[in-house]
Amino acid sequence: MDHSHFLEKNVGWIDRMVRIIIIAILWIWPLTTSLSIFTTVVMAALGGILFSTVIAQYCPLWAMLGVSTLKGNLHSS
């Protein structure tokens, strides 16, 4: 098996900044409103998933779609 592309970075700087803004919304909004516990947990989990993609600079969905934003522009790899 060829693992040369395993977890190859595919999330660029602009993509990471957008994800950080979404993470902030997902994590702060439940603290400032009275959402249900279920909704709060779901939002926190989604924020956690996005946070892991920011840290790893790798998005499995982008990889499956053959997309990379690494150079700041959307382009197929």
C-alpha atoms as a PDB file:
ATOM      1  CA  MET A   1       0.000   0.000   0.000  1.00  0.00           C
ATOM      2  CA  ASP A   2       1.206   3.460  -0.872  1.00  0.00           C
ATOM      3  CA  HIS A   3       0.900   5.774   2.125  1.00  0.00           C
ATOM      4  CA  SER A   4       2.819   8.689   0.608  1.00  0.00           C
ATOM      5  CA  HIS A   5      -0.304  10.907   0.630  1.00  0.00           C
ATOM      6  CA  PHE A   6      -1.505   9.835   4.084  1.00  0.00           C
ATOM      7  CA  LEU A   7      -2.465  12.980   6.023  1.00  0.00           C
ATOM      8  CA  GLU A   8      -0.839  15.246   3.459  1.00  0.00           C
ATOM      9  CA  LYS A   9      -1.650  18.837   4.431  1.00  0.00           C
ATOM     10  CA  ASN A  10      -4.583  20.216   2.448  1.00  0.00           C
ATOM     11  CA  VAL A  11      -5.894  23.092   4.598  1.00  0.00           C
ATOM     12  CA  GLY A  12      -4.446  26.510   3.817  1.00  0.00           C
ATOM     13  CA  TRP A  13      -4.118  29.689   5.876  1.00  0.00           C
ATOM     14  CA  ILE A  14      -7.399  31.317   4.811  1.00  0.00           C
ATOM     15  CA  ASP A  15      -9.286  28.045   5.275  1.00  0.00           C
ATOM     16  CA  ARG A  16      -7.865  27.729   8.814  1.00  0.00           C
ATOM     17  CA  MET A  17      -8.894  31.301   9.712  1.00  0.00           C
ATOM     18  CA  VAL A  18     -12.458  30.652   8.520  1.00  0.00           C
ATOM     19  CA  ARG A  19     -12.534  27.439  10.548  1.00  0.00           C
ATOM     20  CA  ILE A  20     -11.275  29.271  13.666  1.00  0.00           C
ATOM     21  CA  ILE A  21     -14.101  31.811  13.334  1.00  0.00           C
ATOM     22  CA  ILE A  22     -16.630  28.970  13.009  1.00  0.00           C
ATOM     23  CA  ILE A  23     -15.074  27.213  16.027  1.00  0.00           C
ATOM     24  CA  ALA A  24     -15.390  30.392  18.089  1.00  0.00           C
ATOM     25  CA  ILE A  25     -19.065  30.666  17.160  1.00  0.00           C
ATOM     26  CA  LEU A  26     -19.724  26.992  17.901  1.00  0.00           C
ATOM     27  CA  TRP A  27     -18.001  27.184  21.296  1.00  0.00           C
ATOM     28  CA  ILE A  28     -19.067  30.660  22.489  1.00  0.00           C
ATOM     29  CA  TRP A  29     -22.676  30.818  21.295  1.00  0.00           C
ATOM     30  CA  PRO A  30     -23.904  28.025  23.628  1.00  0.00           C
ATOM     31  CA  LEU A  31     -22.283  29.811  26.574  1.00  0.00           C
ATOM     32  CA  THR A  32     -24.154  33.045  25.882  1.00  0.00           C
ATOM     33  CA  THR A  33     -27.594  31.596  25.077  1.00  0.00           C
ATOM     34  CA  SER A  34     -29.885  29.042  26.647  1.00  0.00           C
ATOM     35  CA  LEU A  35     -29.603  26.171  24.185  1.00  0.00           C
ATOM     36  CA  SER A  36     -30.422  22.603  25.119  1.00  0.00           C
ATOM     37  CA  ILE A  37     -27.668  20.365  26.492  1.00  0.00           C
ATOM     38  CA  PHE A  38     -27.887  18.195  23.378  1.00  0.00           C
ATOM     39  CA  THR A  39     -27.429  21.174  21.049  1.00  0.00           C
ATOM     40  CA  THR A  40     -24.539  22.464  23.163  1.00  0.00           C
ATOM     41  CA  VAL A  41     -22.781  19.080  23.065  1.00  0.00           C
ATOM     42  CA  VAL A  42     -23.291  18.729  19.299  1.00  0.00           C
ATOM     43  CA  MET A  43     -21.913  22.225  18.695  1.00  0.00           C
ATOM     44  CA  ALA A  44     -18.924  21.552  20.959  1.00  0.00           C
ATOM     45  CA  ALA A  45     -18.227  18.260  19.150  1.00  0.00           C
ATOM     46  CA  LEU A  46     -18.410  19.902  15.716  1.00  0.00           C
ATOM     47  CA  GLY A  47     -16.076  22.617  16.967  1.00  0.00           C
ATOM     48  CA  GLY A  48     -13.698  19.925  18.218  1.00  0.00           C
ATOM     49  CA  ILE A  49     -13.652  18.221  14.841  1.00  0.00           C
ATOM     50  CA  LEU A  50     -12.936  21.526  13.104  1.00  0.00           C
ATOM     51  CA  PHE A  51     -10.253  22.319  15.703  1.00  0.00           C
ATOM     52  CA  SER A  52      -8.469  19.054  14.924  1.00  0.00           C
ATOM     53  CA  THR A  53      -8.444  19.939  11.212  1.00  0.00           C
ATOM     54  CA  VAL A  54      -6.946  23.347  12.021  1.00  0.00           C
ATOM     55  CA  ILE A  55      -4.186  21.801  14.143  1.00  0.00           C
ATOM     56  CA  ALA A  56      -3.387  18.980  11.692  1.00  0.00           C
ATOM     57  CA  GLN A  57      -3.883  21.197   8.611  1.00  0.00           C
ATOM     58  CA  TYR A  58      -5.608  18.162   7.109  1.00  0.00           C
ATOM     59  CA  CYS A  59      -9.297  17.752   6.274  1.00  0.00           C
ATOM     60  CA  PRO A  60     -10.509  14.237   5.415  1.00  0.00           C
ATOM     61  CA  LEU A  61     -13.496  15.660   3.521  1.00  0.00           C
ATOM     62  CA  TRP A  62     -11.211  17.804   1.351  1.00  0.00           C
ATOM     63  CA  ALA A  63      -9.030  14.742   0.741  1.00  0.00           C
ATOM     64  CA  MET A  64     -12.025  12.647  -0.367  1.00  0.00           C
ATOM     65  CA  LEU A  65     -13.152  15.430  -2.710  1.00  0.00           C
ATOM     66  CA  GLY A  66      -9.625  15.962  -4.045  1.00  0.00           C
ATOM     67  CA  VAL A  67      -9.578  19.604  -2.904  1.00  0.00           C
ATOM     68  CA  SER A  68      -6.694  21.509  -1.334  1.00  0.00           C
ATOM     69  CA  THR A  69      -6.708  25.087  -0.029  1.00  0.00           C
ATOM     70  CA  LEU A  70      -3.079  24.933   1.021  1.00  0.00           C
ATOM     71  CA  LYS A  71      -1.876  27.711  -1.288  1.00  0.00           C
ATOM     72  CA  GLY A  72      -4.751  30.012  -0.366  1.00  0.00           C
ATOM     73  CA  ASN A  73      -6.767  29.265  -3.496  1.00  0.00           C
ATOM     74  CA  LEU A  74      -9.252  26.490  -4.018  1.00  0.00           C
ATOM     75  CA  HIS A  75      -7.852  24.037  -6.502  1.00  0.00           C
ATOM     76  CA  SER A  76      -8.187  20.348  -7.253  1.00  0.00           C
ATOM     77  CA  SER A  77      -5.191  18.183  -6.591  1.00  0.00           C
END
